[in-house]
Amino acid sequence: MTGENLEFKIAGVNIVIQRDSGARGRQRSVSQQIADGILAEIERGELSPGARLPAIRSLARELGVNRDTVALAYESLAGSGVLESTVGRGTFVARSQTSDLAETAPFDPPISAATERLLRFERARPHFGSGQDAVPMHALIPDPSLYPAEEFRRTLNRVMMEAGSDLLLYGDPQGHPRLRSVMAERLGAGGIEVGADEILLCHGASQGISLAVRLFTEPGDVVAMEEPTYNNVLATVLGLGLRTAPVAMREEGLDLSALERVLSRPDVKLLYTIPTFHNPMGTSTSLEHRAQLLRIAERCGKPVIEDGFEMDLAIDGRPPKPLAGLDSSGLVIHLSSFSKSLFPGVRVGGIVARHRALDALLALKRATDHSDAIPLQAALAEFVDNGAYEKHLGRLRPVLRSRRDALLEALEAWMPEGTTWTRPQGGYQVWVSLPGEIDTADLLADALAAGVLFSPGSQFFHDGRASRGLRLSFAMPDEEALRRGVAALAEVVRARLAAAPGREARVHM
């Protein structure tokens, strides 16, 4: 950018921004100038409610600025209620404008560089909107119709009547003792020999990830992880001021040769991995692959964070023993959660750690919050201990198997030739790779219009690169909805392939 004015047009209205630097030390950013220019025309009545703004990419190209600059301007106006955005439709002047729009620019304190990077990451995430009539194949949220809500309510009432106000005090920062005990029994049955005193409870696996990553890193350090990977881990790493070292996923799991090269780097402090029911791919690694991975981590002297967030959702037999069950040296920090197997609102997860790592995690937990929601943990302890949780899983697994099979059959029946997909043995997700050079992020608007939502592959890559992959979830839709959704998606893909048969692009997975 040079010193010339910025000029662009919205709904037929020319907007000119004087590129003055203002008083020394008070120079406004380009994004602020764009936002101020739009706001000024709205206040003058030149831009009326409902007026459509240019797409972020188009306006950025017209002005010769980074698309993040325009996105930040739009976001600041949307946060003030001046603009409103709808997925698949665009950004508009809000229809509920009031006459008392701010006369002066609001105080906009600087935020940390790590948080700025996190904001850019969040803005790049797809925003799905309500999609009221669309088949929701984008979300890993369990189907609410399958929640044992009434049974859990009775359990919660019972433990509250028995324990009374004791459950309303601050609890042990390590978590409810009885719940840690019953979790230790379940983990032992799953191949992880652990005592109740080696478990730290937390607010779902999400808080567990943050605590475990903080345990081994400082700002500027590097975290090794699979690619593609769980997108919220990418956000956690950005928010902590860390960098990523992606390791490609193969059909059998992490590329182990590449992993050893990455873990040998001194700036790489740990590995984050999902060996069972991988998110987003749905795959599970073999016992031999897990053993080799542990040997590599041990040779390189790097700890491993194993995310087992869906381990209770096996639907085709028992998965191989977890990494934590194969580890005899305390190398692995294991994470678990009830959010996907029971319901998200319970917000209970567990971290398995030993020795000094457990003490340090407990210190981090105390510095983060006093304690968890003890009434919910007490109720969950009773719910697991009396067998109600296992009965719930017994009802849930056949439903998931039927939905998974319906999704795979629909993909076989409807998707165009050259499409490939994974065949998960548990969990909620299937990874689909489309033929041709299609960036699946570009299909979202058309897919929504056709009545289906999915998660584009780009959000699972550390740099948000274009991807021909997408994640489909069978967590919420029933069999009929899954078939309808795949048929609609297939039509959108076929139309895009027909429209651009010779298009060349660098599109991954």
Protein backbone atom coordinates (compact mmCIF):
# COMPACT_ATOMS: atom_id res chain seq x y z
CA MET A 1 0.00 0.00 0.00
CA THR A 2 1.20 3.50 -0.82
CA GLY A 3 -0.09 6.91 0.15
CA GLU A 4 -2.96 7.10 -2.39
CA ASN A 5 -6.60 7.10 -1.35
CA LEU A 6 -8.60 3.88 -1.18
CA GLU A 7 -11.76 3.83 -3.29
CA PHE A 8 -14.35 1.10 -3.66
CA LYS A 9 -18.05 0.74 -4.38
CA ILE A 10 -20.78 -0.93 -2.31
CA ALA A 11 -24.36 -1.15 -3.61
CA GLY A 12 -23.65 1.62 -6.08
CA VAL A 13 -22.16 3.94 -3.44
CA ASN A 14 -18.59 5.12 -3.95
CA ILE A 15 -16.56 5.04 -0.74
CA VAL A 16 -13.31 7.00 -0.63
CA ILE A 17 -10.93 6.72 2.30
CA GLN A 18 -8.43 9.53 2.81
CA ARG A 19 -5.08 7.85 3.50
CA ASP A 20 -3.93 10.38 6.10
CA SER A 21 -1.75 9.06 8.88
CA GLY A 22 -3.32 11.23 11.54
CA ALA A 23 -1.50 12.45 14.60
CA ARG A 24 1.88 10.95 15.38
CA GLY A 25 1.46 7.61 17.13
CA ARG A 26 -2.25 7.41 16.27
CA GLN A 27 -2.15 6.07 12.72
CA ARG A 28 -5.20 3.99 11.96
CA SER A 29 -4.80 0.53 10.44
CA VAL A 30 -6.11 -0.09 6.92
CA SER A 31 -8.82 -2.37 8.33
CA GLN A 32 -9.99 0.45 10.64
CA GLN A 33 -10.09 2.85 7.70
CA ILE A 34 -12.20 0.44 5.65
CA ALA A 35 -14.58 -0.09 8.58
CA ASP A 36 -14.80 3.67 9.24
CA GLY A 37 -15.53 4.35 5.57
CA ILE A 38 -18.38 1.84 5.48
CA LEU A 39 -19.76 3.11 8.80
CA ALA A 40 -19.68 6.72 7.59
CA GLU A 41 -21.81 5.89 4.54
CA ILE A 42 -24.29 3.96 6.70
CA GLU A 43 -24.60 6.93 9.09
CA ARG A 44 -25.21 9.27 6.14
CA GLY A 45 -27.95 6.98 4.89
CA GLU A 46 -26.14 6.20 1.64
CA LEU A 47 -25.96 2.52 2.53
CA SER A 48 -29.39 1.36 3.62
CA PRO A 49 -30.25 -1.67 5.77
CA GLY A 50 -30.03 -4.86 3.71
CA ALA A 51 -27.39 -3.51 1.30
CA ARG A 52 -25.01 -6.27 0.28
CA LEU A 53 -21.26 -5.85 0.75
CA PRO A 54 -18.68 -7.30 -1.63
CA ALA A 55 -17.20 -10.70 -0.79
CA ILE A 56 -14.06 -10.45 1.35
CA ARG A 57 -11.87 -11.97 -1.32
CA SER A 58 -13.25 -9.68 -4.05
CA LEU A 59 -12.84 -6.47 -2.04
CA ALA A 60 -9.33 -7.45 -0.93
CA ARG A 61 -8.37 -8.02 -4.56
CA GLU A 62 -9.89 -4.68 -5.61
CA LEU A 63 -8.04 -2.75 -2.91
CA GLY A 64 -4.79 -4.68 -3.22
CA VAL A 65 -4.79 -5.67 0.45
CA ASN A 66 -4.67 -8.99 2.32
CA ARG A 67 -8.07 -10.65 2.71
CA ASP A 68 -7.52 -10.72 6.50
CA THR A 69 -7.51 -6.90 6.43
CA VAL A 70 -11.00 -6.81 4.91
CA ALA A 71 -12.18 -9.67 7.12
CA LEU A 72 -11.11 -7.75 10.25
CA ALA A 73 -13.00 -4.65 9.08
CA TYR A 74 -16.16 -6.67 8.45
CA GLU A 75 -15.76 -8.50 11.75
CA SER A 76 -15.44 -5.30 13.76
CA LEU A 77 -18.64 -3.92 12.19
CA ALA A 78 -20.46 -7.21 12.69
CA GLY A 79 -19.41 -7.22 16.35
CA SER A 80 -21.03 -3.79 16.72
CA GLY A 81 -24.23 -5.01 15.10
CA VAL A 82 -23.69 -2.87 12.00
CA LEU A 83 -23.24 -5.81 9.61
CA GLU A 84 -24.61 -9.33 9.57
CA SER A 85 -23.32 -12.40 7.71
CA THR A 86 -25.08 -15.56 6.59
CA VAL A 87 -23.26 -18.59 5.21
CA GLY A 88 -23.91 -19.05 1.51
CA ARG A 89 -25.51 -15.58 1.15
CA GLY A 90 -22.89 -13.01 2.10
CA THR A 91 -22.49 -9.92 4.30
CA PHE A 92 -25.14 -7.19 4.55
CA VAL A 93 -25.86 -3.96 6.36
CA ALA A 94 -27.92 -5.01 9.37
CA ARG A 95 -31.63 -4.38 9.04
CA SER A 96 -31.98 -3.39 12.70
CA GLN A 97 -29.85 -0.24 12.52
CA THR A 98 -30.41 2.34 15.22
CA SER A 99 -29.88 6.07 14.98
CA ASP A 100 -27.25 6.20 17.71
CA LEU A 101 -24.31 4.60 15.90
CA ALA A 102 -21.06 5.44 17.59
CA GLU A 103 -19.88 8.95 16.78
CA THR A 104 -16.28 8.17 17.59
CA ALA A 105 -14.15 5.12 16.98
CA PRO A 106 -14.28 2.72 19.96
CA PHE A 107 -11.21 2.09 22.03
CA ASP A 108 -9.40 -0.78 20.33
CA PRO A 109 -6.56 -1.96 22.60
CA PRO A 110 -3.79 -3.99 21.01
CA ILE A 111 -3.90 -7.73 21.64
CA SER A 112 -1.07 -10.22 21.69
CA ALA A 113 0.49 -11.51 18.49
CA ALA A 114 -0.52 -15.07 19.40
CA THR A 115 -4.14 -14.01 19.83
CA GLU A 116 -4.05 -12.12 16.53
CA ARG A 117 -2.95 -15.33 14.83
CA LEU A 118 -5.75 -17.17 16.60
CA LEU A 119 -8.26 -14.57 15.37
CA ARG A 120 -7.09 -15.06 11.80
CA PHE A 121 -7.49 -18.81 12.23
CA GLU A 122 -11.01 -18.38 13.64
CA ARG A 123 -12.03 -16.07 10.80
CA ALA A 124 -10.87 -18.68 8.30
CA ARG A 125 -13.11 -21.37 9.83
CA PRO A 126 -16.29 -22.09 7.89
CA HIS A 127 -19.38 -20.50 9.41
CA PHE A 128 -22.27 -22.83 8.77
CA GLY A 129 -25.16 -20.67 9.97
CA SER A 130 -28.40 -22.34 10.99
CA GLY A 131 -28.81 -24.57 7.95
CA GLN A 132 -32.25 -25.32 9.35
CA ASP A 133 -33.31 -27.84 6.71
CA ALA A 134 -29.85 -29.08 5.76
CA VAL A 135 -28.57 -32.53 6.70
CA PRO A 136 -25.98 -31.78 9.44
CA MET A 137 -23.07 -33.98 8.36
CA HIS A 138 -20.54 -31.38 9.55
CA ALA A 139 -20.84 -31.72 13.33
CA LEU A 140 -19.38 -34.27 15.76
CA ILE A 141 -22.16 -33.54 18.23
CA PRO A 142 -24.03 -36.67 19.36
CA ASP A 143 -27.68 -36.89 18.34
CA PRO A 144 -29.70 -35.40 21.26
CA SER A 145 -32.46 -37.97 20.68
CA LEU A 146 -29.98 -40.60 21.91
CA TYR A 147 -29.07 -38.85 25.18
CA PRO A 148 -30.13 -40.70 28.35
CA ALA A 149 -31.39 -37.37 29.67
CA GLU A 150 -34.13 -38.60 32.01
CA GLU A 151 -31.97 -41.32 33.52
CA PHE A 152 -29.12 -38.89 34.11
CA ARG A 153 -31.53 -36.35 35.65
CA ARG A 154 -32.72 -38.93 38.15
CA THR A 155 -29.12 -39.80 38.98
CA LEU A 156 -28.23 -36.14 39.50
CA ASN A 157 -31.25 -35.62 41.76
CA ARG A 158 -30.33 -38.68 43.79
CA VAL A 159 -26.71 -37.68 44.42
CA MET A 160 -27.78 -34.13 45.28
CA MET A 161 -30.30 -35.42 47.83
CA GLU A 162 -27.69 -37.70 49.37
CA ALA A 163 -24.74 -35.30 49.46
CA GLY A 164 -26.59 -31.99 49.73
CA SER A 165 -24.57 -28.81 50.06
CA ASP A 166 -21.26 -30.71 50.16
CA LEU A 167 -21.42 -30.92 46.37
CA LEU A 168 -21.87 -27.16 46.09
CA LEU A 169 -18.50 -26.32 47.62
CA TYR A 170 -15.20 -26.11 45.77
CA GLY A 171 -14.05 -29.63 45.14
CA ASP A 172 -10.70 -31.34 44.87
CA PRO A 173 -8.84 -29.72 41.92
CA GLN A 174 -7.91 -33.23 40.78
CA GLY A 175 -11.60 -34.06 40.45
CA HIS A 176 -14.26 -36.09 42.23
CA PRO A 177 -12.54 -39.09 43.89
CA ARG A 178 -15.30 -41.60 43.11
CA LEU A 179 -15.39 -40.63 39.45
CA ARG A 180 -11.61 -40.99 39.19
CA SER A 181 -11.95 -44.43 40.71
CA VAL A 182 -14.61 -45.68 38.30
CA MET A 183 -12.73 -44.15 35.37
CA ALA A 184 -9.58 -46.02 36.44
CA GLU A 185 -11.57 -49.27 36.34
CA ARG A 186 -12.87 -48.52 32.82
CA LEU A 187 -9.44 -47.53 31.56
CA GLY A 188 -7.99 -50.72 33.02
CA ALA A 189 -10.58 -52.77 31.13
CA GLY A 190 -9.53 -50.91 27.98
CA GLY A 191 -5.85 -51.77 28.41
CA ILE A 192 -4.51 -48.84 30.47
CA GLU A 193 -3.47 -49.94 33.95
CA VAL A 194 -3.85 -46.82 36.06
CA GLY A 195 -4.78 -45.86 39.60
CA ALA A 196 -7.37 -43.27 40.58
CA ASP A 197 -4.58 -41.03 41.88
CA GLU A 198 -3.02 -40.97 38.38
CA ILE A 199 -6.09 -39.35 36.80
CA LEU A 200 -6.78 -35.62 36.65
CA LEU A 201 -10.32 -34.61 35.69
CA CYS A 202 -10.90 -31.61 33.45
CA HIS A 203 -13.53 -29.81 31.36
CA GLY A 204 -13.64 -32.32 28.53
CA ALA A 205 -10.72 -33.37 26.36
CA SER A 206 -10.42 -29.77 25.10
CA GLN A 207 -9.11 -28.47 28.41
CA GLY A 208 -7.02 -31.59 28.70
CA ILE A 209 -5.30 -30.80 25.41
CA SER A 210 -4.51 -27.26 26.51
CA LEU A 211 -3.12 -28.38 29.88
CA ALA A 212 -1.03 -31.18 28.36
CA VAL A 213 0.45 -28.96 25.65
CA ARG A 214 1.30 -26.25 28.20
CA LEU A 215 3.01 -28.89 30.33
CA PHE A 216 5.82 -29.34 27.80
CA THR A 217 6.06 -26.09 25.86
CA GLU A 218 6.85 -22.39 26.01
CA PRO A 219 5.87 -19.74 23.42
CA GLY A 220 7.84 -20.25 20.25
CA ASP A 221 8.21 -24.02 20.68
CA VAL A 222 6.95 -26.50 18.09
CA VAL A 223 4.33 -29.23 18.42
CA ALA A 224 4.41 -32.21 16.06
CA MET A 225 1.01 -33.41 14.91
CA GLU A 226 -0.72 -35.40 12.25
CA GLU A 227 -1.94 -33.68 9.12
CA PRO A 228 -4.84 -33.48 8.69
CA THR A 229 -5.72 -33.20 12.37
CA TYR A 230 -8.36 -32.00 14.83
CA ASN A 231 -8.87 -28.32 14.06
CA ASN A 232 -9.33 -27.23 17.68
CA VAL A 233 -5.81 -28.47 18.46
CA LEU A 234 -4.52 -26.11 15.78
CA ALA A 235 -6.41 -23.29 17.52
CA THR A 236 -4.99 -24.28 20.93
CA VAL A 237 -1.44 -24.24 19.58
CA LEU A 238 -1.91 -20.82 17.99
CA GLY A 239 -3.45 -19.38 21.14
CA LEU A 240 -0.47 -20.55 23.21
CA GLY A 241 2.02 -18.87 20.87
CA LEU A 242 3.34 -22.19 19.53
CA ARG A 243 4.15 -23.46 16.05
CA THR A 244 3.28 -26.72 14.33
CA ALA A 245 5.37 -29.38 12.62
CA PRO A 246 2.89 -31.36 10.50
CA VAL A 247 3.52 -35.03 9.75
CA ALA A 248 1.58 -36.52 6.84
CA MET A 249 -1.04 -39.19 7.42
CA ARG A 250 -0.83 -42.35 5.31
CA GLU A 251 -3.34 -45.15 4.95
CA GLU A 252 -1.72 -47.00 7.87
CA GLY A 253 -1.37 -43.86 10.04
CA LEU A 254 1.38 -41.33 10.65
CA ASP A 255 4.33 -41.50 8.25
CA LEU A 256 6.80 -42.94 10.77
CA SER A 257 9.94 -42.05 8.80
CA ALA A 258 8.84 -38.43 8.62
CA LEU A 259 7.85 -38.54 12.29
CA GLU A 260 11.34 -39.54 13.38
CA ARG A 261 12.89 -36.70 11.38
CA VAL A 262 10.49 -34.21 12.97
CA LEU A 263 10.86 -35.47 16.55
CA SER A 264 14.65 -35.34 16.19
CA ARG A 265 14.47 -31.55 15.89
CA PRO A 266 15.38 -29.79 19.17
CA ASP A 267 12.62 -27.19 18.76
CA VAL A 268 9.92 -29.90 18.61
CA LYS A 269 8.80 -30.60 22.16
CA LEU A 270 6.03 -33.20 21.83
CA LEU A 271 3.74 -35.21 19.55
CA TYR A 272 -0.05 -34.91 19.56
CA THR A 273 -1.80 -37.89 17.97
CA ILE A 274 -5.21 -39.60 17.65
CA PRO A 275 -4.44 -43.26 16.94
CA THR A 276 -7.98 -44.53 17.55
CA PHE A 277 -10.90 -43.23 15.42
CA HIS A 278 -8.83 -40.36 14.11
CA ASN A 279 -10.42 -36.94 13.66
CA PRO A 280 -11.03 -36.09 10.84
CA MET A 281 -10.08 -39.32 9.04
CA GLY A 282 -11.92 -41.91 11.15
CA THR A 283 -9.03 -44.38 10.85
CA SER A 284 -7.29 -46.44 13.55
CA THR A 285 -3.67 -47.57 13.53
CA SER A 286 -2.45 -51.14 14.02
CA LEU A 287 -0.81 -52.45 17.18
CA GLU A 288 2.54 -52.69 15.34
CA HIS A 289 2.29 -49.07 14.14
CA ARG A 290 1.61 -47.95 17.72
CA ALA A 291 4.60 -49.88 19.03
CA GLN A 292 6.88 -48.36 16.37
CA LEU A 293 5.60 -44.86 17.14
CA LEU A 294 6.42 -45.30 20.82
CA ARG A 295 9.91 -46.56 20.02
CA ILE A 296 10.55 -43.48 17.87
CA ALA A 297 9.27 -41.11 20.56
CA GLU A 298 11.41 -42.84 23.18
CA ARG A 299 14.55 -42.66 21.00
CA CYS A 300 13.94 -38.96 20.40
CA GLY A 301 13.07 -38.30 24.05
CA LYS A 302 9.75 -36.61 23.22
CA PRO A 303 6.47 -37.05 25.14
CA VAL A 304 3.27 -38.11 23.37
CA ILE A 305 -0.22 -36.72 23.94
CA GLU A 306 -2.70 -39.45 22.98
CA ASP A 307 -6.23 -38.16 22.37
CA GLY A 308 -8.73 -40.96 23.02
CA PHE A 309 -11.85 -38.79 22.83
CA GLU A 310 -13.98 -41.43 21.05
CA MET A 311 -12.49 -44.61 22.47
CA ASP A 312 -15.83 -45.72 24.00
CA LEU A 313 -17.45 -45.66 20.55
CA ALA A 314 -16.01 -48.86 19.03
CA ILE A 315 -18.63 -50.48 16.76
CA ASP A 316 -16.61 -53.22 15.02
CA GLY A 317 -14.90 -55.06 17.83
CA ARG A 318 -12.29 -53.82 20.24
CA PRO A 319 -9.60 -51.44 18.92
CA PRO A 320 -5.88 -52.12 19.55
CA LYS A 321 -4.49 -51.29 22.96
CA PRO A 322 -3.99 -47.53 23.42
CA LEU A 323 -0.52 -46.02 23.34
CA ALA A 324 -0.81 -45.40 27.07
CA GLY A 325 -1.43 -49.12 27.57
CA LEU A 326 1.77 -49.99 25.68
CA ASP A 327 3.85 -47.34 27.46
CA SER A 328 5.90 -48.51 30.42
CA SER A 329 8.02 -45.39 30.94
CA GLY A 330 5.51 -42.59 31.48
CA LEU A 331 6.08 -41.21 27.97
CA VAL A 332 2.36 -40.92 27.11
CA ILE A 333 -0.22 -38.46 28.42
CA HIS A 334 -3.64 -39.99 27.68
CA LEU A 335 -6.82 -37.92 27.24
CA SER A 336 -10.39 -39.19 27.44
CA SER A 337 -13.83 -37.60 27.37
CA PHE A 338 -17.53 -38.30 27.92
CA SER A 339 -18.62 -35.51 25.54
CA LYS A 340 -18.99 -37.74 22.46
CA SER A 341 -20.11 -40.95 24.13
CA LEU A 342 -22.69 -39.41 26.52
CA PHE A 343 -23.46 -35.74 25.78
CA PRO A 344 -21.34 -32.57 25.48
CA GLY A 345 -22.99 -30.70 28.35
CA VAL A 346 -21.50 -32.99 30.98
CA ARG A 347 -18.06 -31.40 30.24
CA VAL A 348 -16.00 -34.11 31.89
CA GLY A 349 -12.73 -35.45 30.58
CA GLY A 350 -9.73 -37.15 32.09
CA ILE A 351 -5.94 -36.91 31.82
CA VAL A 352 -3.82 -39.93 32.68
CA ALA A 353 -0.29 -38.97 33.72
CA ARG A 354 2.34 -40.22 36.09
CA HIS A 355 5.05 -38.99 38.42
CA ARG A 356 6.17 -35.37 38.07
CA ALA A 357 3.99 -34.80 35.00
CA LEU A 358 0.87 -35.38 37.09
CA ASP A 359 2.02 -32.94 39.78
CA ALA A 360 2.74 -30.31 37.14
CA LEU A 361 -0.62 -30.83 35.44
CA LEU A 362 -2.38 -30.42 38.77
CA ALA A 363 -0.51 -27.14 39.33
CA LEU A 364 -1.58 -25.92 35.89
CA LYS A 365 -5.16 -26.97 36.63
CA ARG A 366 -5.18 -25.05 39.90
CA ALA A 367 -3.86 -21.99 38.07
CA THR A 368 -6.65 -22.33 35.51
CA ASP A 369 -9.65 -22.88 37.79
CA HIS A 370 -10.40 -23.82 41.37
CA SER A 371 -12.27 -27.02 40.55
CA ASP A 372 -14.74 -28.54 38.11
CA ALA A 373 -18.53 -28.85 38.32
CA ILE A 374 -18.60 -31.30 41.22
CA PRO A 375 -22.37 -32.08 41.12
CA LEU A 376 -22.03 -33.25 37.50
CA GLN A 377 -18.93 -35.30 38.31
CA ALA A 378 -20.67 -36.93 41.29
CA ALA A 379 -23.69 -37.78 39.15
CA LEU A 380 -21.49 -39.16 36.39
CA ALA A 381 -19.62 -41.32 38.92
CA GLU A 382 -22.92 -42.85 40.03
CA PHE A 383 -24.12 -43.17 36.42
CA VAL A 384 -20.99 -45.13 35.44
CA ASP A 385 -20.74 -47.13 38.65
CA ASN A 386 -24.33 -48.42 38.60
CA GLY A 387 -24.03 -49.66 34.99
CA ALA A 388 -26.24 -47.03 33.38
CA TYR A 389 -23.40 -45.71 31.20
CA GLU A 390 -22.57 -49.16 29.83
CA LYS A 391 -26.27 -49.76 29.10
CA HIS A 392 -26.35 -46.44 27.22
CA LEU A 393 -23.32 -47.49 25.14
CA GLY A 394 -25.05 -50.80 24.44
CA ARG A 395 -27.99 -48.91 22.95
CA LEU A 396 -25.81 -46.37 21.15
CA ARG A 397 -23.38 -48.65 19.32
CA PRO A 398 -25.92 -50.48 17.11
CA VAL A 399 -27.37 -47.13 16.07
CA LEU A 400 -23.93 -45.85 15.10
CA ARG A 401 -23.16 -49.06 13.21
CA SER A 402 -26.39 -48.74 11.23
CA ARG A 403 -25.73 -45.08 10.45
CA ARG A 404 -22.11 -45.74 9.49
CA ASP A 405 -23.18 -48.51 7.13
CA ALA A 406 -25.89 -46.32 5.58
CA LEU A 407 -23.35 -43.57 4.96
CA LEU A 408 -20.81 -45.93 3.36
CA GLU A 409 -23.50 -47.50 1.18
CA ALA A 410 -24.70 -44.06 0.06
CA LEU A 411 -21.17 -43.00 -0.82
CA GLU A 412 -20.80 -46.16 -2.92
CA ALA A 413 -24.12 -45.56 -4.64
CA TRP A 414 -24.00 -41.82 -5.30
CA MET A 415 -20.51 -40.32 -5.36
CA PRO A 416 -18.76 -39.85 -8.73
CA GLU A 417 -16.11 -42.24 -9.95
CA GLY A 418 -12.70 -41.58 -8.44
CA THR A 419 -14.05 -40.61 -5.00
CA THR A 420 -12.46 -42.48 -2.10
CA TRP A 421 -13.33 -42.67 1.58
CA THR A 422 -12.25 -44.27 4.85
CA ARG A 423 -14.16 -47.05 6.62
CA PRO A 424 -14.08 -46.32 10.36
CA GLN A 425 -14.43 -49.08 12.94
CA GLY A 426 -15.82 -46.64 15.48
CA GLY A 427 -16.39 -42.99 16.24
CA TYR A 428 -18.51 -40.65 14.15
CA GLN A 429 -16.49 -39.53 11.11
CA VAL A 430 -15.56 -40.55 7.56
CA TRP A 431 -12.92 -38.80 5.44
CA VAL A 432 -13.84 -38.40 1.77
CA SER A 433 -11.40 -37.45 -1.01
CA LEU A 434 -12.97 -36.11 -4.19
CA PRO A 435 -11.69 -36.64 -7.72
CA GLY A 436 -10.33 -33.75 -9.75
CA GLU A 437 -8.94 -30.49 -8.42
CA ILE A 438 -11.81 -29.34 -6.21
CA ASP A 439 -11.26 -27.24 -3.11
CA THR A 440 -14.07 -28.49 -0.89
CA ALA A 441 -14.30 -25.13 0.89
CA ASP A 442 -15.62 -23.72 -2.39
CA LEU A 443 -18.50 -26.23 -2.33
CA LEU A 444 -20.02 -25.14 0.99
CA ALA A 445 -22.46 -22.53 -0.31
CA ASP A 446 -23.74 -24.81 -3.08
CA ALA A 447 -23.99 -27.73 -0.67
CA LEU A 448 -26.03 -25.65 1.78
CA ALA A 449 -28.36 -24.60 -1.01
CA ALA A 450 -28.73 -28.27 -1.93
CA GLY A 451 -29.56 -29.18 1.67
CA VAL A 452 -26.40 -30.68 3.15
CA LEU A 453 -23.54 -29.48 5.38
CA PHE A 454 -20.04 -30.97 5.64
CA SER A 455 -16.65 -29.98 7.05
CA PRO A 456 -14.18 -28.90 4.32
CA GLY A 457 -10.71 -30.38 4.49
CA SER A 458 -8.89 -27.05 4.64
CA GLN A 459 -9.86 -26.49 8.28
CA PHE A 460 -7.89 -29.58 9.34
CA PHE A 461 -4.56 -28.41 7.83
CA HIS A 462 -2.14 -26.22 9.75
CA ASP A 463 -1.98 -23.63 6.96
CA GLY A 464 -5.59 -23.84 5.80
CA ARG A 465 -4.48 -25.01 2.36
CA ALA A 466 -6.96 -25.97 -0.34
CA SER A 467 -8.04 -29.58 0.04
CA ARG A 468 -10.07 -32.02 -2.01
CA GLY A 469 -10.89 -33.81 1.25
CA LEU A 470 -13.92 -33.35 3.47
CA ARG A 471 -15.20 -34.86 6.69
CA LEU A 472 -18.68 -36.36 6.90
CA SER A 473 -20.18 -37.11 10.30
CA PHE A 474 -22.94 -39.61 11.06
CA ALA A 475 -23.31 -38.35 14.64
CA MET A 476 -26.61 -36.51 14.23
CA PRO A 477 -28.46 -37.58 11.02
CA ASP A 478 -30.40 -40.83 10.85
CA GLU A 479 -30.03 -43.30 7.98
CA GLU A 480 -32.61 -41.67 5.70
CA ALA A 481 -31.10 -38.22 6.22
CA LEU A 482 -27.59 -39.57 5.54
CA ARG A 483 -28.70 -41.03 2.22
CA ARG A 484 -30.43 -37.78 1.29
CA GLY A 485 -27.38 -35.76 2.28
CA VAL A 486 -24.91 -37.86 0.29
CA ALA A 487 -27.16 -37.75 -2.78
CA ALA A 488 -27.31 -33.94 -2.54
CA LEU A 489 -23.55 -33.68 -2.02
CA ALA A 490 -22.90 -35.95 -5.00
CA GLU A 491 -24.97 -33.69 -7.25
CA VAL A 492 -23.02 -30.63 -6.12
CA VAL A 493 -19.71 -32.40 -6.76
CA ARG A 494 -20.80 -33.61 -10.22
CA ALA A 495 -21.93 -30.11 -11.18
CA ARG A 496 -18.59 -28.65 -10.11
CA LEU A 497 -16.63 -31.31 -12.00
CA ALA A 498 -18.69 -30.69 -15.12
CA ALA A 499 -18.24 -26.92 -14.88
CA ALA A 500 -14.45 -27.00 -14.67
CA PRO A 501 -13.12 -30.21 -16.26
CA GLY A 502 -9.69 -28.76 -17.10
CA ARG A 503 -9.13 -26.62 -14.00
CA GLU A 504 -5.69 -26.98 -12.48
CA ALA A 505 -4.88 -26.20 -8.87
CA ARG A 506 -2.75 -27.45 -6.03
CA VAL A 507 -5.28 -29.27 -3.93
CA HIS A 508 -4.33 -31.79 -1.23
CA MET A 509 -5.90 -34.97 0.11
